[in-house]
Amino acid sequence: MEVPESGMSRVSPGEAPRVSMSQRLWDIDWKSILPWHFDDVRVEYERLADVLPFMAEVFPQTFNVGRQWLQEEMTEAKRRFGEEMDVFVFRAEAKIVGVIVAHPLDWSTYYWRVATILPEYRQRNLVASLAEPLYARFREAGVKRMEVDTSPANRPMVRLLSNQGFIVTSTSSSERWGLSLRFTKFLDDEAERIYRGQFLDVPANTTTERSRP
């Protein structure tokens, strides 16, 4: 996980207004939908530039970055990509207590790139509370799945995703993130049926005998 840099500039006067990938692909305008409230915590839709100081402070402790993984510098391409992502910010009064950064992977897949909550708020089920209305919005828009990558050592996140109905659909390793599990939450019954039929469901009366050559 990369430590974000605080050099991402805000849109200057006269520059075209930000349009997120979610709005361009699925016509979901989170700015007009949020905020949502969960007890004393509200979820707002903000720009990545607004939360970079929080992320730069919290990420080294949360993700143990800066060890052997590749750290990519801020570039114009990276800045533009960040401007089109969805940034969901959890606030308790004026304090940021958590952030989720996400974006479409393709026309039918939504990807959670970053999710972090301050330790003192992790027992509040804030991510799960936000997830439920997100599922409903994405189903209405025709999104078929949500995906998340996490380390197999991140047991709290693995437990959270499993409780939300995500299943492990692949693994990957890279110079940026190390070893990761890909979790998928199917939002479309037919897509889930096909996946389970191909990879998970084995008929009870089927046995396979193997012998060494």
Foldseek 3Di string as FASTA:
>chain_A
DAQDDLPQDDDDPPDDDFAAQCCVQQVDDQQVVDWDDDPQKTKHWDAPSVCSVVSNVPVCVPPVPDDQADHDDDDPVNSSNRSRWTKIFIDRVNDTFWIWTKGAPDNQEIETEDTDGHPVCPVVCPVVVVVVVVLVVSVVSRRFKYKYKDDPVPVVVVVVLVVVVWDFDDWDADRHRGIITMTMDTSDPVVVVVVCVVPPDDDPPDDDDDDDD
